[in-house]
Amino acid sequence: MKKNTKILLLFIVIGGLVGGSIGLYLWFKPVPGIESLETQLTVPANDLFLAYEADENAANEKYLNKVVEVTGLVREVKTNEAGFPVVVLETDDMMFGVICEFESKNPLPRDVQVGALITIKGLCNGKLLDVVLNRCLFIN
């Protein structure tokens, strides 16, 4: 082989190793827990839902991928397919609310019951039919 071909092949191999190493680092990089993230916005559950109902694009600008503390009345407490707790907070809408998905299989405190007024901290994931908060943490 020519000298130029060997050098090119060496650069490709080194580039692949460096790229693969960076990819593996990013893949296995630990994600900080929600408890270590600072709350960026505090809002009642109904106001969060109404903001998305009124103008989803504007609400996404304000809330999407931000750490939000939401206060509201518990409509439903359930478990998702993975076995993690899910709390649905009341809104003025009869069918839809604010879904708070927890990232731990630990049971919720006893005072998280239907009708209780609670505050939850989570990462806003936008609106599907309900407004969804992921990686939630029970505040009080």
N, C-alpha and C. Protein backbone atom coordinates (compact mmCIF):
# COMPACT_ATOMS: atom_id res chain seq x y z
N MET A 1 0.84 -1.18 0.00
CA MET A 1 0.00 0.00 0.00
C MET A 1 0.88 1.24 0.00
N LYS A 2 0.31 2.28 -0.53
CA LYS A 2 1.02 3.54 -0.55
C LYS A 2 1.05 4.15 0.84
N LYS A 3 1.99 5.03 1.06
CA LYS A 3 2.14 5.69 2.36
C LYS A 3 0.91 6.54 2.68
N ASN A 4 0.35 7.23 1.69
CA ASN A 4 -0.84 8.08 1.91
C ASN A 4 -2.05 7.24 2.32
N THR A 5 -2.21 6.06 1.74
CA THR A 5 -3.32 5.18 2.08
C THR A 5 -3.19 4.69 3.52
N LYS A 6 -1.98 4.35 3.94
CA LYS A 6 -1.75 3.90 5.31
C LYS A 6 -2.08 5.01 6.31
N ILE A 7 -1.67 6.22 5.99
CA ILE A 7 -1.93 7.36 6.89
C ILE A 7 -3.43 7.61 6.97
N LEU A 8 -4.12 7.57 5.82
CA LEU A 8 -5.57 7.77 5.80
C LEU A 8 -6.27 6.68 6.62
N LEU A 9 -5.86 5.44 6.45
CA LEU A 9 -6.44 4.34 7.21
C LEU A 9 -6.19 4.52 8.70
N LEU A 10 -5.01 4.96 9.08
CA LEU A 10 -4.69 5.21 10.49
C LEU A 10 -5.60 6.30 11.06
N PHE A 11 -5.80 7.39 10.33
CA PHE A 11 -6.69 8.47 10.79
C PHE A 11 -8.13 7.99 10.93
N ILE A 12 -8.59 7.13 10.03
CA ILE A 12 -9.95 6.60 10.11
C ILE A 12 -10.11 5.73 11.36
N VAL A 13 -9.12 4.87 11.62
CA VAL A 13 -9.18 4.00 12.80
C VAL A 13 -9.14 4.83 14.07
N ILE A 14 -8.24 5.80 14.15
CA ILE A 14 -8.14 6.66 15.34
C ILE A 14 -9.43 7.46 15.51
N GLY A 15 -9.96 8.01 14.42
CA GLY A 15 -11.23 8.75 14.50
C GLY A 15 -12.37 7.89 14.99
N GLY A 16 -12.42 6.63 14.52
CA GLY A 16 -13.45 5.71 14.97
C GLY A 16 -13.33 5.40 16.45
N LEU A 17 -12.11 5.20 16.92
CA LEU A 17 -11.89 4.93 18.34
C LEU A 17 -12.28 6.12 19.21
N VAL A 18 -11.87 7.32 18.78
CA VAL A 18 -12.22 8.52 19.54
C VAL A 18 -13.73 8.73 19.53
N GLY A 19 -14.36 8.62 18.36
CA GLY A 19 -15.81 8.78 18.26
C GLY A 19 -16.56 7.75 19.08
N GLY A 20 -16.11 6.50 19.02
CA GLY A 20 -16.75 5.46 19.81
C GLY A 20 -16.59 5.68 21.30
N SER A 21 -15.43 6.16 21.72
CA SER A 21 -15.21 6.45 23.14
C SER A 21 -16.12 7.56 23.63
N ILE A 22 -16.24 8.61 22.83
CA ILE A 22 -17.14 9.73 23.20
C ILE A 22 -18.58 9.24 23.25
N GLY A 23 -18.99 8.44 22.29
CA GLY A 23 -20.34 7.89 22.28
C GLY A 23 -20.63 7.05 23.51
N LEU A 24 -19.70 6.18 23.88
CA LEU A 24 -19.88 5.35 25.07
C LEU A 24 -19.94 6.19 26.34
N TYR A 25 -19.11 7.22 26.42
CA TYR A 25 -19.14 8.10 27.59
C TYR A 25 -20.50 8.77 27.71
N LEU A 26 -21.02 9.31 26.62
CA LEU A 26 -22.31 10.00 26.66
C LEU A 26 -23.44 9.02 26.95
N TRP A 27 -23.36 7.80 26.44
CA TRP A 27 -24.41 6.80 26.67
C TRP A 27 -24.49 6.40 28.14
N PHE A 28 -23.35 6.22 28.78
CA PHE A 28 -23.31 5.76 30.16
C PHE A 28 -23.15 6.88 31.18
N LYS A 29 -23.15 8.11 30.74
CA LYS A 29 -23.01 9.26 31.63
C LYS A 29 -24.22 9.30 32.58
N PRO A 30 -23.98 9.40 33.90
CA PRO A 30 -25.10 9.41 34.83
C PRO A 30 -25.94 10.68 34.68
N VAL A 31 -27.25 10.49 34.81
CA VAL A 31 -28.19 11.61 34.73
C VAL A 31 -28.42 12.11 36.15
N PRO A 32 -28.29 13.43 36.39
CA PRO A 32 -28.51 13.92 37.75
C PRO A 32 -29.96 13.71 38.19
N GLY A 33 -30.13 13.35 39.45
CA GLY A 33 -31.47 13.16 39.99
C GLY A 33 -32.21 14.49 40.07
N ILE A 34 -33.52 14.42 40.02
CA ILE A 34 -34.34 15.63 40.03
C ILE A 34 -34.16 16.41 41.33
N GLU A 35 -33.82 15.70 42.42
CA GLU A 35 -33.65 16.38 43.71
C GLU A 35 -32.45 17.33 43.68
N SER A 36 -31.49 17.07 42.81
CA SER A 36 -30.31 17.94 42.75
C SER A 36 -30.49 19.11 41.79
N LEU A 37 -31.59 19.11 41.03
CA LEU A 37 -31.85 20.19 40.08
C LEU A 37 -32.68 21.28 40.74
N GLU A 38 -32.37 22.51 40.43
CA GLU A 38 -33.08 23.65 41.00
C GLU A 38 -34.40 23.87 40.29
N THR A 39 -35.45 24.15 41.07
CA THR A 39 -36.76 24.44 40.50
C THR A 39 -36.69 25.74 39.70
N GLN A 40 -37.16 25.69 38.46
CA GLN A 40 -37.13 26.86 37.60
C GLN A 40 -38.45 27.62 37.61
N LEU A 41 -39.56 26.91 37.77
CA LEU A 41 -40.88 27.53 37.77
C LEU A 41 -41.78 26.85 38.79
N THR A 42 -42.68 27.61 39.39
CA THR A 42 -43.68 27.08 40.31
C THR A 42 -45.04 27.51 39.79
N VAL A 43 -45.96 26.55 39.67
CA VAL A 43 -47.25 26.85 39.06
C VAL A 43 -48.32 25.88 39.58
N PRO A 44 -49.55 26.36 39.76
CA PRO A 44 -50.64 25.44 40.08
C PRO A 44 -50.91 24.51 38.89
N ALA A 45 -51.31 23.29 39.15
CA ALA A 45 -51.54 22.30 38.09
C ALA A 45 -52.53 22.80 37.05
N ASN A 46 -53.62 23.42 37.50
CA ASN A 46 -54.63 23.89 36.56
C ASN A 46 -54.07 24.99 35.65
N ASP A 47 -53.25 25.89 36.20
CA ASP A 47 -52.66 26.96 35.38
C ASP A 47 -51.71 26.38 34.33
N LEU A 48 -50.96 25.36 34.70
CA LEU A 48 -50.06 24.71 33.74
C LEU A 48 -50.87 24.09 32.60
N PHE A 49 -51.92 23.39 32.95
CA PHE A 49 -52.77 22.76 31.94
C PHE A 49 -53.43 23.81 31.05
N LEU A 50 -53.96 24.87 31.64
CA LEU A 50 -54.62 25.93 30.86
C LEU A 50 -53.65 26.64 29.93
N ALA A 51 -52.40 26.80 30.36
CA ALA A 51 -51.39 27.41 29.49
C ALA A 51 -51.19 26.57 28.24
N TYR A 52 -51.16 25.25 28.39
CA TYR A 52 -51.01 24.37 27.24
C TYR A 52 -52.28 24.34 26.39
N GLU A 53 -53.44 24.43 27.01
CA GLU A 53 -54.70 24.46 26.26
C GLU A 53 -54.81 25.73 25.43
N ALA A 54 -54.38 26.86 25.98
CA ALA A 54 -54.52 28.16 25.31
C ALA A 54 -53.56 28.28 24.13
N ASP A 55 -52.29 27.91 24.33
CA ASP A 55 -51.29 28.07 23.28
C ASP A 55 -50.13 27.11 23.57
N GLU A 56 -50.16 25.97 22.91
CA GLU A 56 -49.15 24.94 23.20
C GLU A 56 -47.74 25.40 22.88
N ASN A 57 -47.56 26.14 21.80
CA ASN A 57 -46.22 26.62 21.45
C ASN A 57 -45.67 27.57 22.50
N ALA A 58 -46.49 28.51 22.96
CA ALA A 58 -46.05 29.45 24.00
C ALA A 58 -45.77 28.72 25.30
N ALA A 59 -46.61 27.73 25.64
CA ALA A 59 -46.39 26.95 26.86
C ALA A 59 -45.11 26.14 26.76
N ASN A 60 -44.84 25.58 25.58
CA ASN A 60 -43.58 24.85 25.39
C ASN A 60 -42.38 25.76 25.59
N GLU A 61 -42.47 26.98 25.08
CA GLU A 61 -41.38 27.95 25.27
C GLU A 61 -41.11 28.19 26.75
N LYS A 62 -42.19 28.24 27.53
CA LYS A 62 -42.06 28.58 28.95
C LYS A 62 -41.72 27.37 29.83
N TYR A 63 -42.32 26.20 29.55
CA TYR A 63 -42.24 25.06 30.47
C TYR A 63 -41.45 23.85 29.99
N LEU A 64 -41.39 23.61 28.67
CA LEU A 64 -40.82 22.38 28.15
C LEU A 64 -39.36 22.19 28.57
N ASN A 65 -39.05 21.00 29.10
CA ASN A 65 -37.71 20.62 29.57
C ASN A 65 -37.21 21.49 30.72
N LYS A 66 -38.11 22.07 31.47
CA LYS A 66 -37.75 22.85 32.65
C LYS A 66 -38.21 22.10 33.89
N VAL A 67 -37.51 22.32 35.01
CA VAL A 67 -37.88 21.72 36.28
C VAL A 67 -38.98 22.59 36.89
N VAL A 68 -40.15 21.98 37.07
CA VAL A 68 -41.35 22.70 37.48
C VAL A 68 -41.88 22.09 38.78
N GLU A 69 -42.28 22.96 39.72
CA GLU A 69 -43.01 22.51 40.90
C GLU A 69 -44.48 22.79 40.67
N VAL A 70 -45.30 21.75 40.76
CA VAL A 70 -46.72 21.84 40.49
C VAL A 70 -47.49 21.49 41.75
N THR A 71 -48.48 22.32 42.07
CA THR A 71 -49.35 22.05 43.22
C THR A 71 -50.77 21.83 42.72
N GLY A 72 -51.41 20.80 43.25
CA GLY A 72 -52.79 20.52 42.84
C GLY A 72 -53.41 19.41 43.66
N LEU A 73 -54.69 19.20 43.39
CA LEU A 73 -55.43 18.13 44.06
C LEU A 73 -55.22 16.82 43.29
N VAL A 74 -55.05 15.74 44.03
CA VAL A 74 -54.83 14.43 43.42
C VAL A 74 -56.16 13.92 42.87
N ARG A 75 -56.16 13.61 41.57
CA ARG A 75 -57.33 13.01 40.92
C ARG A 75 -57.23 11.49 40.95
N GLU A 76 -56.01 10.98 40.76
CA GLU A 76 -55.82 9.53 40.66
C GLU A 76 -54.39 9.17 41.03
N VAL A 77 -54.23 8.02 41.67
CA VAL A 77 -52.91 7.46 41.97
C VAL A 77 -52.90 6.06 41.37
N LYS A 78 -51.88 5.78 40.54
CA LYS A 78 -51.81 4.48 39.87
C LYS A 78 -50.36 4.09 39.66
N THR A 79 -50.15 3.00 38.97
CA THR A 79 -48.81 2.51 38.64
C THR A 79 -48.74 2.34 37.13
N ASN A 80 -47.61 2.74 36.52
CA ASN A 80 -47.47 2.57 35.07
C ASN A 80 -47.00 1.16 34.74
N GLU A 81 -46.77 0.89 33.45
CA GLU A 81 -46.39 -0.44 32.99
C GLU A 81 -45.07 -0.92 33.62
N ALA A 82 -44.18 0.01 33.93
CA ALA A 82 -42.88 -0.34 34.50
C ALA A 82 -42.95 -0.54 36.02
N GLY A 83 -44.11 -0.29 36.61
CA GLY A 83 -44.27 -0.45 38.05
C GLY A 83 -43.97 0.79 38.86
N PHE A 84 -43.78 1.93 38.18
CA PHE A 84 -43.48 3.19 38.86
C PHE A 84 -44.78 3.92 39.20
N PRO A 85 -44.81 4.64 40.33
CA PRO A 85 -46.00 5.38 40.70
C PRO A 85 -46.29 6.53 39.73
N VAL A 86 -47.57 6.80 39.52
CA VAL A 86 -48.03 7.90 38.68
C VAL A 86 -49.15 8.60 39.45
N VAL A 87 -49.06 9.93 39.53
CA VAL A 87 -50.11 10.73 40.17
C VAL A 87 -50.69 11.65 39.12
N VAL A 88 -52.02 11.68 39.02
CA VAL A 88 -52.69 12.59 38.10
C VAL A 88 -53.31 13.70 38.94
N LEU A 89 -52.96 14.95 38.61
CA LEU A 89 -53.48 16.11 39.33
C LEU A 89 -54.70 16.69 38.61
N GLU A 90 -55.64 17.18 39.38
CA GLU A 90 -56.89 17.76 38.87
C GLU A 90 -56.65 19.01 38.05
N THR A 91 -57.51 19.19 37.05
CA THR A 91 -57.61 20.45 36.31
C THR A 91 -59.09 20.73 36.10
N ASP A 92 -59.40 21.86 35.48
CA ASP A 92 -60.80 22.18 35.19
C ASP A 92 -61.38 21.26 34.12
N ASP A 93 -60.53 20.58 33.37
CA ASP A 93 -60.97 19.66 32.33
C ASP A 93 -61.40 18.34 32.99
N MET A 94 -62.57 17.85 32.61
CA MET A 94 -63.10 16.62 33.22
C MET A 94 -62.30 15.37 32.84
N MET A 95 -61.66 15.39 31.65
CA MET A 95 -61.00 14.18 31.17
C MET A 95 -59.49 14.19 31.37
N PHE A 96 -58.88 15.36 31.26
CA PHE A 96 -57.42 15.42 31.24
C PHE A 96 -56.88 16.21 32.42
N GLY A 97 -55.63 15.93 32.77
CA GLY A 97 -55.01 16.60 33.91
C GLY A 97 -53.52 16.74 33.71
N VAL A 98 -52.80 16.77 34.82
CA VAL A 98 -51.34 16.82 34.80
C VAL A 98 -50.85 15.48 35.35
N ILE A 99 -50.15 14.73 34.50
CA ILE A 99 -49.64 13.42 34.89
C ILE A 99 -48.22 13.58 35.42
N CYS A 100 -47.99 13.07 36.61
CA CYS A 100 -46.67 13.14 37.25
C CYS A 100 -46.13 11.72 37.37
N GLU A 101 -45.09 11.42 36.60
CA GLU A 101 -44.51 10.08 36.58
C GLU A 101 -43.24 10.05 37.42
N PHE A 102 -43.20 9.16 38.40
CA PHE A 102 -42.05 9.05 39.29
C PHE A 102 -41.04 8.07 38.71
N GLU A 103 -39.76 8.21 39.11
CA GLU A 103 -38.71 7.36 38.55
C GLU A 103 -38.21 6.30 39.51
N SER A 104 -38.95 6.07 40.56
CA SER A 104 -38.56 5.08 41.55
C SER A 104 -39.77 4.22 41.87
N LYS A 105 -39.53 2.93 42.15
CA LYS A 105 -40.63 2.04 42.51
C LYS A 105 -41.01 2.18 43.98
N ASN A 106 -40.33 3.08 44.69
CA ASN A 106 -40.66 3.29 46.10
C ASN A 106 -42.10 3.77 46.22
N PRO A 107 -42.82 3.30 47.21
CA PRO A 107 -44.20 3.75 47.37
C PRO A 107 -44.26 5.24 47.73
N LEU A 108 -45.35 5.85 47.34
CA LEU A 108 -45.57 7.26 47.68
C LEU A 108 -45.93 7.38 49.15
N PRO A 109 -45.74 8.56 49.75
CA PRO A 109 -46.16 8.75 51.13
C PRO A 109 -47.67 8.49 51.29
N ARG A 110 -48.07 8.15 52.48
CA ARG A 110 -49.48 7.80 52.75
C ARG A 110 -50.43 8.96 52.48
N ASP A 111 -49.96 10.20 52.60
CA ASP A 111 -50.87 11.33 52.42
C ASP A 111 -51.12 11.65 50.94
N VAL A 112 -50.55 10.88 50.03
CA VAL A 112 -50.84 11.06 48.61
C VAL A 112 -52.05 10.17 48.28
N GLN A 113 -53.23 10.74 48.50
CA GLN A 113 -54.48 10.04 48.25
C GLN A 113 -55.38 10.95 47.43
N VAL A 114 -56.36 10.36 46.79
CA VAL A 114 -57.31 11.13 45.98
C VAL A 114 -57.90 12.25 46.83
N GLY A 115 -57.87 13.47 46.30
CA GLY A 115 -58.41 14.64 46.98
C GLY A 115 -57.39 15.42 47.79
N ALA A 116 -56.21 14.87 48.01
CA ALA A 116 -55.18 15.56 48.80
C ALA A 116 -54.53 16.66 47.97
N LEU A 117 -54.17 17.75 48.62
CA LEU A 117 -53.45 18.85 47.99
C LEU A 117 -51.95 18.58 48.16
N ILE A 118 -51.24 18.42 47.04
CA ILE A 118 -49.82 18.07 47.11
C ILE A 118 -49.00 18.94 46.16
N THR A 119 -47.69 18.93 46.38
CA THR A 119 -46.75 19.61 45.50
C THR A 119 -45.74 18.58 45.01
N ILE A 120 -45.51 18.60 43.70
CA ILE A 120 -44.61 17.65 43.05
C ILE A 120 -43.64 18.44 42.18
N LYS A 121 -42.39 18.01 42.20
CA LYS A 121 -41.35 18.61 41.36
C LYS A 121 -41.02 17.62 40.25
N GLY A 122 -40.97 18.11 39.00
CA GLY A 122 -40.66 17.23 37.90
C GLY A 122 -40.20 17.98 36.66
N LEU A 123 -39.79 17.25 35.67
CA LEU A 123 -39.32 17.81 34.41
C LEU A 123 -40.49 17.81 33.43
N CYS A 124 -40.87 19.00 32.95
CA CYS A 124 -42.02 19.11 32.06
C CYS A 124 -41.68 18.52 30.69
N ASN A 125 -42.52 17.59 30.27
CA ASN A 125 -42.32 16.90 29.01
C ASN A 125 -43.32 17.34 27.94
N GLY A 126 -44.10 18.38 28.23
CA GLY A 126 -45.06 18.89 27.26
C GLY A 126 -46.42 18.25 27.41
N LYS A 127 -47.24 18.42 26.36
CA LYS A 127 -48.62 17.95 26.41
C LYS A 127 -48.86 16.91 25.33
N LEU A 128 -49.41 15.79 25.74
CA LEU A 128 -49.93 14.82 24.78
C LEU A 128 -51.44 15.06 24.79
N LEU A 129 -52.18 14.35 25.60
CA LEU A 129 -53.56 14.72 25.90
C LEU A 129 -53.57 15.41 27.26
N ASP A 130 -52.75 14.90 28.15
CA ASP A 130 -52.50 15.51 29.46
C ASP A 130 -51.15 16.20 29.39
N VAL A 131 -50.90 17.09 30.35
CA VAL A 131 -49.55 17.64 30.50
C VAL A 131 -48.77 16.61 31.30
N VAL A 132 -47.53 16.33 30.89
CA VAL A 132 -46.76 15.25 31.51
C VAL A 132 -45.50 15.80 32.17
N LEU A 133 -45.29 15.41 33.43
CA LEU A 133 -44.05 15.68 34.14
C LEU A 133 -43.36 14.34 34.38
N ASN A 134 -42.08 14.26 34.04
CA ASN A 134 -41.29 13.04 34.23
C ASN A 134 -40.30 13.23 35.38
N ARG A 135 -39.74 12.11 35.83
CA ARG A 135 -38.69 12.10 36.86
C ARG A 135 -39.16 12.85 38.11
N CYS A 136 -40.39 12.67 38.49
CA CYS A 136 -41.00 13.46 39.57
C CYS A 136 -40.47 13.09 40.96
N LEU A 137 -40.63 14.06 41.85
CA LEU A 137 -40.24 13.92 43.24
C LEU A 137 -41.34 14.54 44.08
N PHE A 138 -41.82 13.81 45.09
CA PHE A 138 -42.85 14.34 45.97
C PHE A 138 -42.24 15.38 46.89
N ILE A 139 -42.80 16.59 46.92
CA ILE A 139 -42.31 17.66 47.78
C ILE A 139 -43.08 17.69 49.10
N ASN A 140 -44.39 17.84 49.02
CA ASN A 140 -45.27 17.77 50.21
C ASN A 140 -46.71 17.67 49.82
